[in-house]
N, C-alpha and C. Protein backbone atom coordinates (compact mmCIF):
# COMPACT_ATOMS: atom_id res chain seq x y z
N MET A 1 1.10 -1.45 0.11
CA MET A 1 0.11 -0.50 -0.08
C MET A 1 0.74 1.28 0.20
N GLU A 2 0.83 2.08 -0.87
CA GLU A 2 0.97 3.35 -1.15
C GLU A 2 0.51 4.32 -0.09
N SER A 3 1.38 5.26 1.21
CA SER A 3 1.00 6.26 1.97
C SER A 3 1.26 7.27 0.36
N THR A 4 0.58 8.56 0.93
CA THR A 4 0.71 9.41 0.60
C THR A 4 1.15 10.77 1.44
N VAL A 5 1.84 11.32 0.40
CA VAL A 5 2.31 12.60 1.62
C VAL A 5 2.12 13.94 1.45
N HIS A 6 0.96 14.53 2.27
CA HIS A 6 0.65 15.64 2.31
C HIS A 6 1.79 17.58 2.62
N ALA A 7 1.84 18.09 1.67
CA ALA A 7 2.44 19.73 2.21
C ALA A 7 0.70 20.44 2.82
N PHE A 8 2.03 20.89 4.02
CA PHE A 8 1.23 21.88 5.01
C PHE A 8 0.29 22.60 3.68
N SER A 9 0.79 23.08 3.28
CA SER A 9 -0.32 23.73 2.47
C SER A 9 -2.13 23.25 2.73
N GLU A 10 -1.38 21.29 2.45
CA GLU A 10 -3.32 21.01 2.07
C GLU A 10 -3.24 20.45 3.74
N LEU A 11 -2.59 20.66 4.95
CA LEU A 11 -2.64 20.24 5.99
C LEU A 11 -4.22 21.45 6.40
N PHE A 12 -3.38 23.16 6.33
CA PHE A 12 -4.25 23.87 6.94
C PHE A 12 -5.80 24.18 5.92
N ALA A 13 -5.42 23.62 4.46
CA ALA A 13 -6.25 23.52 4.05
C ALA A 13 -8.09 23.17 5.00
N GLN A 14 -6.62 21.87 5.19
CA GLN A 14 -7.80 20.86 5.94
C GLN A 14 -8.63 21.16 6.88
N LEU A 15 -8.51 21.54 7.60
CA LEU A 15 -8.68 22.90 9.39
C LEU A 15 -9.18 24.26 8.97
N GLY A 16 -9.30 24.56 7.56
CA GLY A 16 -9.59 25.55 6.87
C GLY A 16 -9.30 26.91 7.99
N LEU A 17 -8.27 26.40 7.44
CA LEU A 17 -7.04 27.87 7.67
C LEU A 17 -6.35 28.48 6.11
N PRO A 18 -5.91 29.74 6.32
CA PRO A 18 -6.03 29.87 4.86
C PRO A 18 -3.95 29.47 4.83
N ASN A 19 -3.92 28.42 3.77
CA ASN A 19 -2.98 27.99 3.07
C ASN A 19 -1.65 28.63 2.65
N ASP A 20 -1.56 29.51 2.12
CA ASP A 20 -0.49 29.66 1.28
C ASP A 20 0.76 30.27 2.01
N GLU A 21 1.29 30.33 2.03
CA GLU A 21 2.71 30.09 2.56
C GLU A 21 3.18 31.40 3.75
N ALA A 22 2.84 32.59 3.33
CA ALA A 22 2.83 33.23 4.31
C ALA A 22 1.91 33.72 5.37
N SER A 23 0.62 33.13 5.18
CA SER A 23 -0.24 32.50 6.56
C SER A 23 0.18 31.68 7.76
N ILE A 24 1.32 30.82 6.86
CA ILE A 24 0.84 29.54 7.79
C ILE A 24 2.32 29.85 7.95
N ARG A 25 3.12 30.74 8.26
CA ARG A 25 4.14 30.72 8.87
C ARG A 25 3.97 31.72 9.57
N GLY A 26 2.93 32.83 8.94
CA GLY A 26 2.28 33.53 9.91
C GLY A 26 1.57 32.68 11.70
N PHE A 27 0.85 31.97 11.01
CA PHE A 27 0.17 30.87 12.27
C PHE A 27 1.54 30.14 13.54
N ILE A 28 2.20 30.40 12.52
CA ILE A 28 3.31 29.17 13.01
C ILE A 28 4.05 30.28 14.46
N ALA A 29 4.10 30.85 13.32
CA ALA A 29 5.53 32.42 14.90
C ALA A 29 4.50 33.07 15.49
N GLU A 30 2.31 33.14 15.49
CA GLU A 30 1.97 33.58 16.11
C GLU A 30 1.77 32.20 17.60
N HIS A 31 1.04 31.04 17.47
CA HIS A 31 1.02 30.43 18.17
C HIS A 31 2.18 29.58 18.61
N GLY A 32 3.05 29.25 17.90
CA GLY A 32 4.39 28.87 19.00
C GLY A 32 5.77 30.09 19.71
N PRO A 33 6.15 29.20 20.31
CA PRO A 33 6.54 27.85 20.77
C PRO A 33 5.61 27.62 21.35
N LEU A 34 4.90 26.41 21.46
CA LEU A 34 4.65 25.82 23.13
C LEU A 34 4.35 24.97 23.79
N PRO A 35 3.92 25.26 24.98
CA PRO A 35 5.41 24.82 26.07
C PRO A 35 4.72 23.26 25.70
N ASP A 36 5.95 22.48 26.32
CA ASP A 36 6.55 21.21 25.88
C ASP A 36 5.06 19.56 26.22
N ASP A 37 4.97 20.70 27.30
CA ASP A 37 3.28 19.27 27.64
C ASP A 37 2.33 19.79 27.42
N VAL A 38 2.05 20.54 26.63
CA VAL A 38 1.32 20.58 25.70
C VAL A 38 1.17 19.60 24.16
N ARG A 39 0.21 18.50 24.13
CA ARG A 39 0.01 18.08 23.02
C ARG A 39 -0.06 19.39 22.16
N LEU A 40 0.35 18.80 20.52
CA LEU A 40 -0.49 19.69 19.83
C LEU A 40 -2.06 19.63 18.92
N GLU A 41 -2.55 18.63 19.24
CA GLU A 41 -4.48 18.92 19.86
C GLU A 41 -4.90 19.65 20.22
N GLU A 42 -3.79 19.46 21.98
CA GLU A 42 -4.76 20.11 22.75
C GLU A 42 -4.59 21.58 23.28
N ALA A 43 -3.38 22.70 22.73
CA ALA A 43 -3.31 23.76 21.96
C ALA A 43 -4.97 24.63 22.70
N PRO A 44 -4.79 25.68 22.86
CA PRO A 44 -6.18 26.48 22.68
C PRO A 44 -6.73 27.17 22.45
N PHE A 45 -6.01 27.25 20.83
CA PHE A 45 -6.20 28.12 19.46
C PHE A 45 -7.17 27.11 18.82
N TRP A 46 -7.57 26.47 18.57
CA TRP A 46 -7.75 25.15 18.20
C TRP A 46 -9.18 25.09 17.82
N THR A 47 -10.24 25.55 17.01
CA THR A 47 -11.23 25.25 17.46
C THR A 47 -11.53 23.62 17.58
N ASN A 48 -13.05 23.39 18.12
CA ASN A 48 -13.32 21.88 18.51
C ASN A 48 -13.21 20.84 17.67
N SER A 49 -13.23 21.17 15.79
CA SER A 49 -13.55 20.56 15.19
C SER A 49 -11.63 20.27 14.37
N GLN A 50 -10.51 21.39 14.12
CA GLN A 50 -9.77 21.15 14.18
C GLN A 50 -8.80 19.80 15.14
N ALA A 51 -9.12 19.95 17.14
CA ALA A 51 -8.48 19.32 17.48
C ALA A 51 -8.95 17.97 17.24
N GLN A 52 -10.19 18.08 16.77
CA GLN A 52 -10.86 16.50 16.58
C GLN A 52 -9.66 15.62 15.35
N LEU A 53 -10.00 16.45 14.27
CA LEU A 53 -9.75 16.10 13.05
C LEU A 53 -7.54 15.98 12.68
N LEU A 54 -6.80 16.61 14.15
CA LEU A 54 -5.53 16.56 14.24
C LEU A 54 -5.83 15.07 15.07
N ARG A 55 -5.94 14.79 16.62
CA ARG A 55 -6.51 13.68 17.20
C ARG A 55 -6.81 12.46 16.45
N GLU A 56 -8.20 12.15 15.37
CA GLU A 56 -8.22 12.03 14.92
C GLU A 56 -7.07 10.77 13.40
N GLU A 57 -6.92 11.79 13.43
CA GLU A 57 -5.36 11.64 12.26
C GLU A 57 -4.39 10.72 12.98
N ARG A 58 -3.99 11.51 14.13
CA ARG A 58 -2.77 10.85 14.89
C ARG A 58 -3.01 9.35 15.17
N ILE A 59 -4.19 9.03 15.49
CA ILE A 59 -4.82 7.94 16.34
C ILE A 59 -4.77 6.80 15.56
N GLU A 60 -4.86 7.64 14.29
CA GLU A 60 -5.02 6.28 13.02
C GLU A 60 -4.04 6.27 12.43
N ASP A 61 -2.82 6.98 11.98
CA ASP A 61 -2.41 7.21 11.93
C ASP A 61 -2.10 7.02 10.94
N ALA A 62 -2.91 7.89 9.95
CA ALA A 62 -3.36 8.37 8.15
C ALA A 62 -2.37 9.20 7.48
N ASP A 63 -2.78 9.57 6.55
CA ASP A 63 -2.13 9.36 5.61
C ASP A 63 -1.13 10.78 6.08
N TRP A 64 -1.72 11.70 7.12
CA TRP A 64 -1.82 13.24 7.02
C TRP A 64 -0.71 13.11 8.28
N ILE A 65 -0.44 11.96 8.44
CA ILE A 65 0.80 11.93 10.13
C ILE A 65 1.76 13.03 9.94
N VAL A 66 2.48 11.44 8.50
CA VAL A 66 3.96 13.27 8.78
C VAL A 66 3.79 14.41 8.74
N VAL A 67 2.93 15.36 8.22
CA VAL A 67 2.61 16.78 7.90
C VAL A 67 2.08 16.98 9.42
N ILE A 68 1.19 16.31 9.94
CA ILE A 68 0.99 16.80 11.19
C ILE A 68 1.77 17.06 12.37
N ASP A 69 2.90 15.96 12.33
CA ASP A 69 4.12 15.50 12.74
C ASP A 69 4.97 17.06 12.66
N GLN A 70 5.42 17.65 11.58
CA GLN A 70 5.68 18.12 11.41
C GLN A 70 5.70 19.83 11.71
N LEU A 71 3.74 19.91 11.89
CA LEU A 71 3.49 20.90 11.77
C LEU A 71 3.98 21.05 13.50
N ASN A 72 3.58 20.17 14.70
CA ASN A 72 3.86 19.67 15.70
C ASN A 72 4.57 19.59 16.29
N VAL A 73 6.35 19.70 15.42
CA VAL A 73 7.45 20.71 15.61
C VAL A 73 7.38 21.56 15.36
N ALA A 74 7.06 21.78 14.60
CA ALA A 74 7.37 23.49 14.62
C ALA A 74 6.70 24.43 15.29
N LEU A 75 5.51 24.40 15.80
CA LEU A 75 4.76 24.46 16.87
C LEU A 75 5.76 24.91 18.41
N HIS A 76 6.31 24.01 18.16
CA HIS A 76 6.97 23.57 19.59
C HIS A 76 8.42 24.09 19.71
N ALA A 77 8.96 24.01 18.26
CA ALA A 77 10.60 24.64 18.57
C ALA A 77 10.95 26.00 18.85
N ARG A 78 11.44 26.04 19.68
CA ARG A 78 12.02 27.38 20.15
C ARG A 78 12.85 27.94 18.98
N PRO A 79 12.79 29.41 18.84
CA PRO A 79 13.26 30.44 18.39
C PRO A 79 14.88 30.12 18.15
N SER A 80 16.00 30.18 17.86
CA SER A 80 17.34 30.25 17.73
C SER A 80 17.77 31.77 18.24
N THR A 81 18.47 31.87 19.18
CA THR A 81 19.22 33.11 19.07
C THR A 81 20.74 33.29 18.94
């Protein structure tokens, strides 16, 4: 079985968010870094449906998991000094 690799822009579209590069960078800059003890899907800025989508895709280890993990890393990353 072949898995599909999705782009950040596709994930943001699935979440109902603006999905151009500038908007994605802005979202990450505005909402990051998340505290280490906050799971991506538990972040306070998601709507219930967005959090549910992220949670379900992670549990199912679906095609989206790679890009969800990338978003998780991006939102937990500390700015370099």
